[in-house]
Structures are given as structure tokens and as C-alpha cells.
Amino acid sequence: MRGVIWLLLLFVVAVVAATTLGSNDGLVTLYWRGWRTDFSLNLFVILVLVACGVLVVAAQAIQSLVSLPRRAGEWRALRRERAAEAALRESLVEYFSARFGRARKAAQKALAVAEETPALATDAGFRVVAELLAAGSLHRLQDRSNRDETLERAMKAARQGSGPRTAEEAARLLGAEWALDDRDAPRALDLLAALPPGAARRTHALRLRLKAARMAQQPLEALQTARLLAKHQAFSPLVAQSLLRSLAADTLEGAHDVQQLRRLWSHIDAADRRDAQVASRAALRAVQLDAAEDARQWLRPFWERLSELPREDREAVALALIEARPGIGGDWLPRLESAAQAYGHEGAVVAAVGMVFAERQLWGKARRLLEQAADAPGLSSRTRRAAWRQLAALAREESDEPRAVECERAAAAID
């Protein structure tokens, strides 16, 4: 198609030349020192065009000759640039092929060639990638000292570059991951803390922070991070709930006195405080720290909406109330009687109500409920033994020693 077009253009030029130059009778006369030369106008135009063409070709030839050293330098730089990029690709392939020694050598070769190439010497991104590949290879080879030096060079190169700080963020995330592999949680937390807010809230960064916080035994930090991950839907709902409950319990278990426990309870998320399992663990820890009143205060909202809770949550708050019953007030009795009537088939609720009635010295009501709890098959052995022992205490209050001994034997017989 292109040949046809050129042929048509040639025909057009021939037609135009024939019509314009065919009937041209003009002359061009040149005088030079007594000499006179006549040319037809057509020949003169042709000679001028040819002379212009020769001048253009000569100028281009001279320009090419003059620029030859520069073009040779550009060609050599291009070869070095291609060699550096080839070495970097080779390092990447060797790294993913688990040949880490070769990967490191290829990355060092890429860096050495880049130093001799002006275009790459100022390319921070290229240097950072090569340094990270070398550092990753050293990490796999368990050469921690050289790995850390290489990582520092990568972060320094990233800071020297212009534009977005994505290279530095990548270096810090990799450094945090390697620190966790070394079980060095403080260093991982330091690297993650230096990330900008946007990068620090990425799912991968949050996962690393969660792992580092748990490794550093900082359950409150881990709980807050896990809450963010749950909002990002990084876990399934069931896994998220289980993880949050576990971390909240670990946070509360770390309290060494009542003031610290109250402070931790106020710092955890409101959603965690509304979780019956978390509140039960908090109540049990408060009882251990001789703060039964705080335990009952945290359990009260759940007893007021007991019907909204699933069975396992009702069991948890019931067992927690058993431990928190010393000093319980009479204002609890109406809601406990309602609970016993509504959930008389659940051993934990029955045991809790019976224990509280016994604490309030309501012997008649307590005996029936405790006997029912002591024989409940789904109740834990610890709670059933406590019910039998409470029945033995009631028998001694009534001076019925044989019955008390029988209850003690029943408690001792439970595995």
C-alpha cells in the first residue's frame, strides 16, 4: 500500500513538472570576471536543488562526525544500564529460586554497574530494590549483621530519592518482618512506628504490628491493632471475635492491682466491654484482686439483659457472679429470681442464683437450687463441687452434721 502511494506521488510530481517546466523559456546568465554563462531556468532550478541537497547531506555528515564521541558514550551508558537491569532481574529470579548466595552476588553486581552509570547512580528506586534483594538474601543466609547494614543503606538511598516514600516504606516493612523472624519485637515495633500514618494502617503493617505486640507482651497494643484488623475484615468474623476476646482477657490478666485493672477496663474498646466473655474475665480478675464490687458492677448490665445473650455467654456471666458473690446486695435478688425462673434448666444460672441466695442466708431457696446445680450433668466439676460444699455449709448451719458429711463426700467424689 505504501509503494502504491509513493508511485502516485511520483506521477503527480512528474505531471506538475511537465506542466510548469515544459514551456519555460527563461534563461539565467552568470557573469564572473569577464566570463558569461547562460543556463536555462529549468537547469538552474535543478542545480540549486541538487546543491541544497548536497549541503544538507554534508551538514548531517559533519554533525554525525562531531557527535560521534557523545553517541559512543551514550551507547556505552546504555549497555551498562542494560547490564545493571539484567543483573537486577537475575538477582530477583535467583532470590525466588531460593539460591540466595547467587541472588546477593547478582544484586551487588547490579549496584556496582549502577555506580558507573550516571542515569542509574541517581536512581534511588533502582538502588533500593537492589539493596533490598541483597538484604533479603543475607537474611535467608542468617547473616544478620551484614543484613542490617544493607537495610540501612537501602533506607538511606530511599530517603535521598525524590518523590513518594514508597521505597522507604517497603524497606521498613521488610525490616520489621525480618526482626520478627529474629524474635526482636522492640526493633520491629520501632520500624513500624516510623511508618507514615497511611502506610501504618495497611493490613500487612497491622498484621506485623499485632505479631510484634503479642511477642513483646503488650496485650493492650495488640488488642487495639486486632480491632483495626477486624474493621478491615482481615479475619473472618468468628476468628476476629475469638482473637479479640483472647487479647482482651490477656490485657486484663496483666493488671497487678485494682487501679490498673480499672484503667485497663476503661481503655479497651467499648465493643469489648459489651462482650459478656470479656466482662466475665474482667470480673474474675477483679475478684482475684479483692474488688468484688467492681466485678458485680461490670456484670450487672449482662444480668439485666440476660435473655439477649447466647447460652455460653449466660454461663460465663453466671460463673463469674459465683466468684463475685461475697458482699452482694439485696438489689440483685429480683433479677436473680427472674433468671432462675427463666433459665432453670441451665446449670450455671441455677448455681449462681443458689450461691447468691446462700450468701444472703436465704437457706430455703438456696438449698433447692444448689441441689439442682450439684446434679447438673453439663456443669463444670469445679462448680458442682462448690455447690456440694455450699450445701454442706448449709447443713452445718442447721446442725445437720450427717448431711454435711454426705455433701462433703459427694463433692470429693467428683472428678
Protein backbone atom coordinates (compact mmCIF):
# COMPACT_ATOMS: atom_id res chain seq x y z
CA MET A 1 0.00 0.00 0.00
CA ARG A 2 2.80 2.36 0.86
CA GLY A 3 4.52 1.63 -2.51
CA VAL A 4 1.34 2.50 -4.39
CA ILE A 5 1.09 5.81 -2.57
CA TRP A 6 4.68 6.70 -3.38
CA LEU A 7 4.08 5.78 -7.04
CA LEU A 8 1.05 8.06 -7.18
CA LEU A 9 3.05 10.90 -5.62
CA LEU A 10 5.79 10.38 -8.24
CA PHE A 11 3.21 10.63 -11.03
CA VAL A 12 1.85 13.83 -9.51
CA VAL A 13 5.33 15.35 -9.33
CA ALA A 14 6.00 14.36 -12.95
CA VAL A 15 2.76 15.92 -14.12
CA VAL A 16 3.36 19.14 -12.19
CA ALA A 17 6.96 19.37 -13.51
CA ALA A 18 5.85 18.78 -17.11
CA THR A 19 3.15 21.44 -16.95
CA THR A 20 5.24 24.09 -15.19
CA LEU A 21 8.68 23.49 -16.64
CA GLY A 22 7.89 22.19 -20.12
CA SER A 23 7.05 25.58 -21.60
CA ASN A 24 9.54 27.59 -19.53
CA ASP A 25 11.84 29.56 -21.91
CA GLY A 26 13.59 31.58 -19.24
CA LEU A 27 17.37 31.96 -19.05
CA VAL A 28 19.73 32.55 -16.20
CA THR A 29 23.01 34.35 -17.03
CA LEU A 30 26.01 34.33 -14.69
CA TYR A 31 28.85 36.86 -15.08
CA TRP A 32 32.21 36.20 -13.44
CA ARG A 33 35.36 38.20 -14.30
CA GLY A 34 34.67 38.61 -17.97
CA TRP A 35 33.07 35.20 -18.31
CA ARG A 36 29.46 34.75 -19.13
CA THR A 37 27.46 31.56 -18.72
CA ASP A 38 23.86 31.03 -19.74
CA PHE A 39 21.60 28.40 -18.19
CA SER A 40 18.07 27.56 -18.85
CA LEU A 41 15.88 28.37 -15.91
CA ASN A 42 14.90 24.71 -15.55
CA LEU A 43 18.53 23.59 -15.33
CA PHE A 44 19.33 26.35 -12.83
CA VAL A 45 16.47 25.30 -10.56
CA ILE A 46 17.60 21.69 -10.74
CA LEU A 47 21.20 22.66 -9.92
CA VAL A 48 20.08 24.77 -6.97
CA LEU A 49 18.01 21.91 -5.60
CA VAL A 50 20.89 19.47 -6.01
CA ALA A 51 23.30 21.92 -4.32
CA CYS A 52 20.93 22.34 -1.39
CA GLY A 53 20.65 18.58 -1.07
CA VAL A 54 24.41 18.20 -1.13
CA LEU A 55 24.79 20.87 1.54
CA VAL A 56 22.22 19.21 3.77
CA VAL A 57 23.90 15.83 3.43
CA ALA A 58 27.30 17.36 4.11
CA ALA A 59 25.99 19.15 7.22
CA GLN A 60 24.47 15.93 8.52
CA ALA A 61 27.70 14.07 7.87
CA ILE A 62 29.72 16.69 9.72
CA GLN A 63 27.22 16.67 12.60
CA SER A 64 27.40 12.89 12.84
CA LEU A 65 31.16 13.01 12.84
CA VAL A 66 31.29 15.68 15.53
CA SER A 67 28.71 13.91 17.75
CA LEU A 68 30.37 10.54 17.38
CA PRO A 69 32.14 10.65 20.81
CA ARG A 70 28.92 11.69 22.55
CA ARG A 71 26.90 8.95 20.85
CA ALA A 72 29.60 6.43 21.70
CA GLY A 73 29.36 7.48 25.36
CA GLU A 74 25.58 7.18 25.25
CA TRP A 75 25.88 3.73 23.71
CA ARG A 76 28.29 2.61 26.43
CA ALA A 77 26.00 4.05 29.12
CA LEU A 78 23.05 2.25 27.58
CA ARG A 79 24.98 -1.01 27.62
CA ARG A 80 25.88 -0.51 31.28
CA GLU A 81 22.28 0.36 32.10
CA ARG A 82 21.05 -2.77 30.36
CA ALA A 83 23.71 -4.83 32.14
CA ALA A 84 22.61 -3.43 35.51
CA GLU A 85 18.96 -4.14 34.79
CA ALA A 86 19.85 -7.65 33.63
CA ALA A 87 21.79 -8.25 36.86
CA LEU A 88 18.84 -6.98 38.90
CA ARG A 89 16.44 -9.30 37.07
CA GLU A 90 18.88 -12.16 37.60
CA SER A 91 19.04 -11.37 41.32
CA LEU A 92 15.25 -11.38 41.55
CA VAL A 93 14.98 -14.74 39.76
CA GLU A 94 17.72 -16.28 41.89
CA TYR A 95 16.06 -14.97 45.07
CA PHE A 96 12.74 -16.55 44.23
CA SER A 97 14.58 -19.72 43.23
CA ALA A 98 15.99 -19.89 46.80
CA ARG A 99 19.58 -19.50 45.56
CA PHE A 100 20.31 -16.69 47.92
CA GLY A 101 24.10 -16.60 47.52
CA ARG A 102 23.76 -16.08 43.78
CA ALA A 103 20.99 -13.55 44.33
CA ARG A 104 23.23 -11.48 46.58
CA LYS A 105 26.11 -11.55 44.09
CA ALA A 106 23.81 -10.50 41.25
CA ALA A 107 22.42 -7.64 43.34
CA GLN A 108 25.94 -6.47 44.20
CA LYS A 109 26.86 -6.63 40.52
CA ALA A 110 23.82 -4.50 39.66
CA LEU A 111 24.84 -1.94 42.28
CA ALA A 112 28.45 -1.87 41.04
CA VAL A 113 27.38 -1.30 37.44
CA ALA A 114 24.86 1.33 38.54
CA GLU A 115 27.61 3.32 40.28
CA GLU A 116 29.37 3.67 36.91
CA THR A 117 26.19 4.69 35.10
CA PRO A 118 25.13 8.33 35.60
CA ALA A 119 21.48 7.59 34.84
CA LEU A 120 21.33 4.86 37.50
CA ALA A 121 23.67 6.47 40.03
CA THR A 122 20.92 8.99 40.81
CA ASP A 123 18.06 6.48 40.53
CA ALA A 124 17.13 5.86 44.17
CA GLY A 125 14.47 3.32 43.29
CA PHE A 126 16.92 1.07 41.47
CA ARG A 127 19.41 1.18 44.32
CA VAL A 128 16.75 0.48 46.94
CA VAL A 129 15.46 -2.57 45.09
CA ALA A 130 18.97 -3.95 44.64
CA GLU A 131 19.87 -3.32 48.29
CA LEU A 132 16.65 -4.96 49.49
CA LEU A 133 17.31 -8.02 47.36
CA ALA A 134 20.81 -8.24 48.80
CA ALA A 135 19.48 -7.74 52.35
CA GLY A 136 16.77 -10.35 51.82
CA SER A 137 19.35 -12.84 50.62
CA LEU A 138 21.52 -12.13 53.65
CA HIS A 139 18.51 -12.63 55.91
CA ARG A 140 17.90 -16.03 54.39
CA LEU A 141 21.58 -16.83 54.85
CA GLN A 142 21.33 -15.84 58.56
CA ASP A 143 23.95 -13.10 58.13
CA ARG A 144 22.22 -10.60 60.40
CA SER A 145 24.99 -8.01 60.79
CA ASN A 146 25.54 -7.54 57.05
CA ARG A 147 21.79 -7.70 56.51
CA ASP A 148 21.19 -4.79 58.89
CA GLU A 149 23.94 -2.73 57.26
CA THR A 150 22.47 -3.37 53.82
CA LEU A 151 18.99 -2.48 55.05
CA GLU A 152 20.29 0.80 56.47
CA ARG A 153 21.86 1.62 53.10
CA ALA A 154 18.55 0.86 51.40
CA MET A 155 16.64 3.22 53.72
CA LYS A 156 19.29 5.92 53.28
CA ALA A 157 19.04 5.62 49.50
CA ALA A 158 15.24 5.78 49.74
CA ARG A 159 15.40 8.98 51.82
CA GLN A 160 17.76 10.59 49.28
CA GLY A 161 15.37 9.97 46.42
CA SER A 162 12.70 12.43 45.37
CA GLY A 163 9.01 11.65 45.04
CA PRO A 164 6.85 9.30 47.12
CA ARG A 165 8.41 7.42 50.06
CA THR A 166 7.13 4.03 48.96
CA ALA A 167 10.66 2.63 48.74
CA GLU A 168 11.42 3.60 52.33
CA GLU A 169 8.09 2.14 53.46
CA ALA A 170 8.94 -1.13 51.73
CA ALA A 171 12.35 -1.21 53.44
CA ARG A 172 10.80 -0.62 56.87
CA LEU A 173 8.13 -3.27 56.39
CA LEU A 174 10.71 -5.81 55.30
CA GLY A 175 12.95 -4.86 58.22
CA ALA A 176 10.06 -5.33 60.64
CA GLU A 177 9.27 -8.72 59.16
CA TRP A 178 12.89 -9.82 59.48
CA ALA A 179 13.03 -8.53 63.07
CA LEU A 180 10.02 -10.68 63.92
CA ASP A 181 11.77 -13.67 62.38
CA ASP A 182 14.66 -12.89 64.77
CA ARG A 183 12.21 -12.64 67.71
CA ASP A 184 13.27 -9.00 68.10
CA ALA A 185 9.90 -7.41 68.83
CA PRO A 186 11.20 -3.99 70.03
CA ARG A 187 13.07 -3.39 66.76
CA ALA A 188 10.01 -4.43 64.75
CA LEU A 189 7.83 -2.01 66.70
CA ASP A 190 10.35 0.80 66.20
CA LEU A 191 10.42 0.23 62.44
CA LEU A 192 6.63 0.11 62.23
CA ALA A 193 6.26 3.23 64.39
CA ALA A 194 8.38 5.18 61.86
CA LEU A 195 5.91 4.47 59.05
CA PRO A 196 3.66 7.33 57.89
CA PRO A 197 0.01 7.06 59.04
CA GLY A 198 -1.28 5.81 55.70
CA ALA A 199 1.26 3.02 55.45
CA ALA A 200 0.89 2.10 59.13
CA ARG A 201 -2.82 1.35 58.61
CA ARG A 202 -2.28 -1.09 55.76
CA THR A 203 -3.36 -4.63 56.50
CA HIS A 204 0.13 -6.10 56.21
CA ALA A 205 1.60 -3.46 58.52
CA LEU A 206 -1.18 -4.07 61.06
CA ARG A 207 -0.57 -7.81 60.95
CA LEU A 208 3.12 -7.24 61.65
CA ARG A 209 2.29 -4.85 64.49
CA LEU A 210 -0.12 -7.37 66.00
CA LYS A 211 2.50 -10.08 65.92
CA ALA A 212 5.15 -7.76 67.37
CA ALA A 213 2.88 -6.53 70.15
CA ARG A 214 1.98 -10.06 71.17
CA MET A 215 5.63 -11.07 71.06
CA ALA A 216 6.56 -8.06 73.19
CA GLN A 217 3.78 -8.96 75.65
CA GLN A 218 1.85 -5.75 75.05
CA PRO A 219 -1.71 -7.10 75.04
CA LEU A 220 -3.42 -3.68 75.02
CA GLU A 221 -1.48 -2.59 71.91
CA ALA A 222 -2.21 -5.98 70.34
CA LEU A 223 -5.91 -5.62 71.17
CA GLN A 224 -6.15 -2.18 69.56
CA THR A 225 -4.32 -3.44 66.47
CA ALA A 226 -6.53 -6.51 66.22
CA ARG A 227 -9.57 -4.25 66.43
CA LEU A 228 -8.31 -2.29 63.41
CA LEU A 229 -7.67 -5.52 61.53
CA ALA A 230 -11.19 -6.69 62.31
CA LYS A 231 -12.56 -3.42 60.90
CA HIS A 232 -10.50 -4.02 57.76
CA GLN A 233 -12.06 -7.52 57.56
CA ALA A 234 -8.64 -9.12 57.75
CA PHE A 235 -10.16 -12.05 59.67
CA SER A 236 -13.37 -13.98 59.42
CA PRO A 237 -15.98 -12.83 61.99
CA LEU A 238 -15.55 -15.96 64.10
CA VAL A 239 -11.75 -15.72 64.16
CA ALA A 240 -11.90 -11.97 64.87
CA GLN A 241 -14.24 -12.49 67.82
CA SER A 242 -12.10 -15.24 69.29
CA LEU A 243 -8.88 -13.24 68.84
CA LEU A 244 -10.34 -10.07 70.34
CA ARG A 245 -11.67 -11.97 73.34
CA SER A 246 -8.33 -13.65 73.91
CA LEU A 247 -6.39 -10.40 73.67
CA ALA A 248 -8.82 -8.54 75.91
CA ALA A 249 -8.53 -11.30 78.50
CA ASP A 250 -4.73 -11.17 78.31
CA THR A 251 -4.85 -7.40 78.74
CA LEU A 252 -6.97 -7.64 81.86
CA GLU A 253 -4.99 -10.53 83.28
CA GLY A 254 -1.90 -8.34 83.19
CA ALA A 255 -3.31 -5.98 85.81
CA HIS A 256 -1.40 -6.13 89.11
CA ASP A 257 -3.75 -4.04 91.23
CA VAL A 258 -7.30 -2.75 91.20
CA GLN A 259 -6.37 0.72 89.91
CA GLN A 260 -4.52 -0.75 86.95
CA LEU A 261 -7.42 -3.10 86.23
CA ARG A 262 -9.89 -0.21 86.23
CA ARG A 263 -7.63 1.79 83.96
CA LEU A 264 -7.29 -1.09 81.52
CA TRP A 265 -11.04 -1.69 81.58
CA SER A 266 -11.65 1.92 80.63
CA HIS A 267 -9.01 1.84 77.87
CA ILE A 268 -10.29 -1.17 75.99
CA ASP A 269 -12.83 -0.60 73.24
CA ALA A 270 -16.50 -0.19 74.16
CA ALA A 271 -17.33 -3.15 71.93
CA ASP A 272 -15.07 -5.34 74.06
CA ARG A 273 -16.70 -4.09 77.25
CA ARG A 274 -20.06 -5.13 75.81
CA ASP A 275 -18.77 -8.68 75.27
CA ALA A 276 -20.01 -10.98 78.03
CA GLN A 277 -16.96 -13.23 77.82
CA VAL A 278 -14.58 -10.28 78.24
CA ALA A 279 -16.62 -8.82 81.11
CA SER A 280 -16.61 -12.21 82.82
CA ARG A 281 -12.83 -12.45 82.61
CA ALA A 282 -12.54 -8.90 83.93
CA ALA A 283 -14.85 -9.76 86.83
CA LEU A 284 -12.83 -12.85 87.71
CA ARG A 285 -9.62 -10.81 87.72
CA ALA A 286 -11.29 -8.18 89.91
CA VAL A 287 -12.28 -10.89 92.39
CA GLN A 288 -8.69 -12.09 92.48
CA LEU A 289 -7.66 -8.50 93.35
CA ASP A 290 -10.28 -8.27 96.13
CA ALA A 291 -12.57 -5.95 94.15
CA ALA A 292 -15.79 -7.94 94.09
CA GLU A 293 -17.89 -4.76 93.93
CA ASP A 294 -16.22 -3.75 90.65
CA ALA A 295 -16.78 -7.26 89.34
CA ARG A 296 -20.51 -7.10 90.12
CA GLN A 297 -20.73 -3.63 88.58
CA TRP A 298 -19.27 -4.91 85.32
CA LEU A 299 -21.55 -7.96 85.34
CA ARG A 300 -24.77 -6.11 86.17
CA PRO A 301 -25.59 -4.92 82.59
CA PHE A 302 -25.48 -8.51 81.34
CA TRP A 303 -27.81 -9.80 84.04
CA GLU A 304 -30.25 -7.05 83.13
CA ARG A 305 -30.40 -8.31 79.54
CA LEU A 306 -29.78 -11.99 80.15
CA SER A 307 -32.36 -13.05 77.57
CA GLU A 308 -30.36 -11.38 74.79
CA LEU A 309 -27.25 -13.43 75.47
CA PRO A 310 -26.44 -16.81 73.93
CA ARG A 311 -26.19 -19.74 76.30
CA GLU A 312 -22.38 -19.78 76.53
CA ASP A 313 -22.38 -16.09 77.47
CA ARG A 314 -25.02 -16.66 80.14
CA GLU A 315 -22.90 -19.44 81.55
CA ALA A 316 -19.83 -17.18 81.61
CA VAL A 317 -21.55 -14.32 83.48
CA ALA A 318 -23.18 -16.80 85.85
CA LEU A 319 -19.88 -18.45 86.78
CA ALA A 320 -18.28 -15.02 87.19
CA LEU A 321 -21.07 -13.95 89.55
CA ILE A 322 -20.48 -17.04 91.67
CA GLU A 323 -16.94 -15.82 92.32
CA ALA A 324 -18.09 -12.22 92.88
CA ARG A 325 -20.92 -13.04 95.30
CA PRO A 326 -19.21 -12.07 98.61
CA GLY A 327 -20.86 -8.88 99.84
CA ILE A 328 -23.60 -8.87 97.17
CA GLY A 329 -26.54 -6.59 97.95
CA GLY A 330 -30.22 -7.35 98.14
CA ASP A 331 -30.92 -5.32 94.99
CA TRP A 332 -29.68 -8.30 92.98
CA LEU A 333 -32.37 -10.68 94.30
CA PRO A 334 -35.28 -9.72 92.00
CA ARG A 335 -33.32 -10.14 88.80
CA LEU A 336 -31.77 -13.38 90.07
CA GLU A 337 -35.18 -14.86 90.88
CA SER A 338 -36.37 -13.94 87.39
CA ALA A 339 -33.27 -15.56 85.90
CA ALA A 340 -33.84 -18.76 87.89
CA GLN A 341 -37.43 -18.96 86.64
CA ALA A 342 -36.49 -18.27 83.00
CA TYR A 343 -33.35 -20.46 82.85
CA GLY A 344 -33.98 -23.11 85.46
CA HIS A 345 -32.72 -25.73 83.00
CA GLU A 346 -29.24 -24.17 82.75
CA GLY A 347 -26.96 -25.41 85.49
CA ALA A 348 -24.66 -22.37 85.58
CA VAL A 349 -27.52 -19.89 86.09
CA VAL A 350 -29.12 -22.11 88.73
CA ALA A 351 -25.80 -22.47 90.55
CA ALA A 352 -25.18 -18.73 90.52
CA VAL A 353 -28.62 -17.91 91.88
CA GLY A 354 -28.34 -20.61 94.54
CA MET A 355 -24.90 -19.39 95.65
CA VAL A 356 -26.15 -15.81 95.92
CA PHE A 357 -29.21 -16.91 97.93
CA ALA A 358 -26.91 -18.81 100.26
CA GLU A 359 -24.70 -15.71 100.56
CA ARG A 360 -27.80 -13.73 101.53
CA GLN A 361 -28.73 -16.53 104.01
CA LEU A 362 -31.92 -17.45 102.16
CA TRP A 363 -31.40 -21.10 103.09
CA GLY A 364 -34.68 -22.49 101.83
CA LYS A 365 -34.42 -21.05 98.34
CA ALA A 366 -30.71 -21.75 98.13
CA ARG A 367 -30.95 -25.46 99.07
CA ARG A 368 -33.26 -26.44 96.22
CA LEU A 369 -31.25 -24.56 93.60
CA LEU A 370 -27.91 -25.85 94.88
CA GLU A 371 -29.13 -29.46 94.85
CA GLN A 372 -30.26 -28.98 91.29
CA ALA A 373 -26.88 -27.45 90.33
CA ALA A 374 -24.91 -30.17 92.11
CA ASP A 375 -26.58 -32.83 89.95
CA ALA A 376 -26.44 -30.83 86.69
CA PRO A 377 -24.51 -33.00 84.20
CA GLY A 378 -23.43 -30.14 81.93
CA LEU A 379 -21.91 -28.09 84.72
CA SER A 380 -18.16 -27.98 85.33
CA SER A 381 -16.73 -30.19 88.07
CA ARG A 382 -15.41 -27.16 89.96
CA THR A 383 -18.85 -25.55 90.13
CA ARG A 384 -20.56 -28.78 91.14
CA ARG A 385 -18.04 -29.32 93.95
CA ALA A 386 -18.64 -25.75 95.11
CA ALA A 387 -22.39 -26.42 95.14
CA TRP A 388 -21.95 -29.56 97.28
CA ARG A 389 -19.68 -27.72 99.67
CA GLN A 390 -22.17 -24.90 99.97
CA LEU A 391 -24.84 -27.49 100.76
CA ALA A 392 -22.54 -28.90 103.44
CA ALA A 393 -22.19 -25.41 104.91
CA LEU A 394 -25.96 -25.02 104.92
CA ALA A 395 -26.32 -28.38 106.69
CA ARG A 396 -23.88 -27.29 109.37
CA GLU A 397 -25.83 -24.07 109.83
CA GLU A 398 -28.82 -26.27 110.60
CA SER A 399 -26.69 -28.55 112.83
CA ASP A 400 -27.20 -31.49 110.48
CA GLU A 401 -23.68 -32.96 110.58
CA PRO A 402 -24.52 -36.29 108.87
CA ARG A 403 -25.97 -34.37 105.91
CA ALA A 404 -22.90 -32.13 105.84
CA VAL A 405 -20.57 -35.15 105.77
CA GLU A 406 -22.61 -36.69 102.96
CA CYS A 407 -22.35 -33.47 100.93
CA GLU A 408 -18.59 -33.30 101.53
CA ARG A 409 -18.21 -36.89 100.29
CA ALA A 410 -20.25 -36.10 97.21
CA ALA A 411 -18.01 -33.13 96.50
CA ALA A 412 -14.86 -35.22 96.94
CA ALA A 413 -16.23 -37.91 94.62
CA ILE A 414 -16.47 -35.54 91.64
CA ASP A 415 -13.52 -35.93 89.28
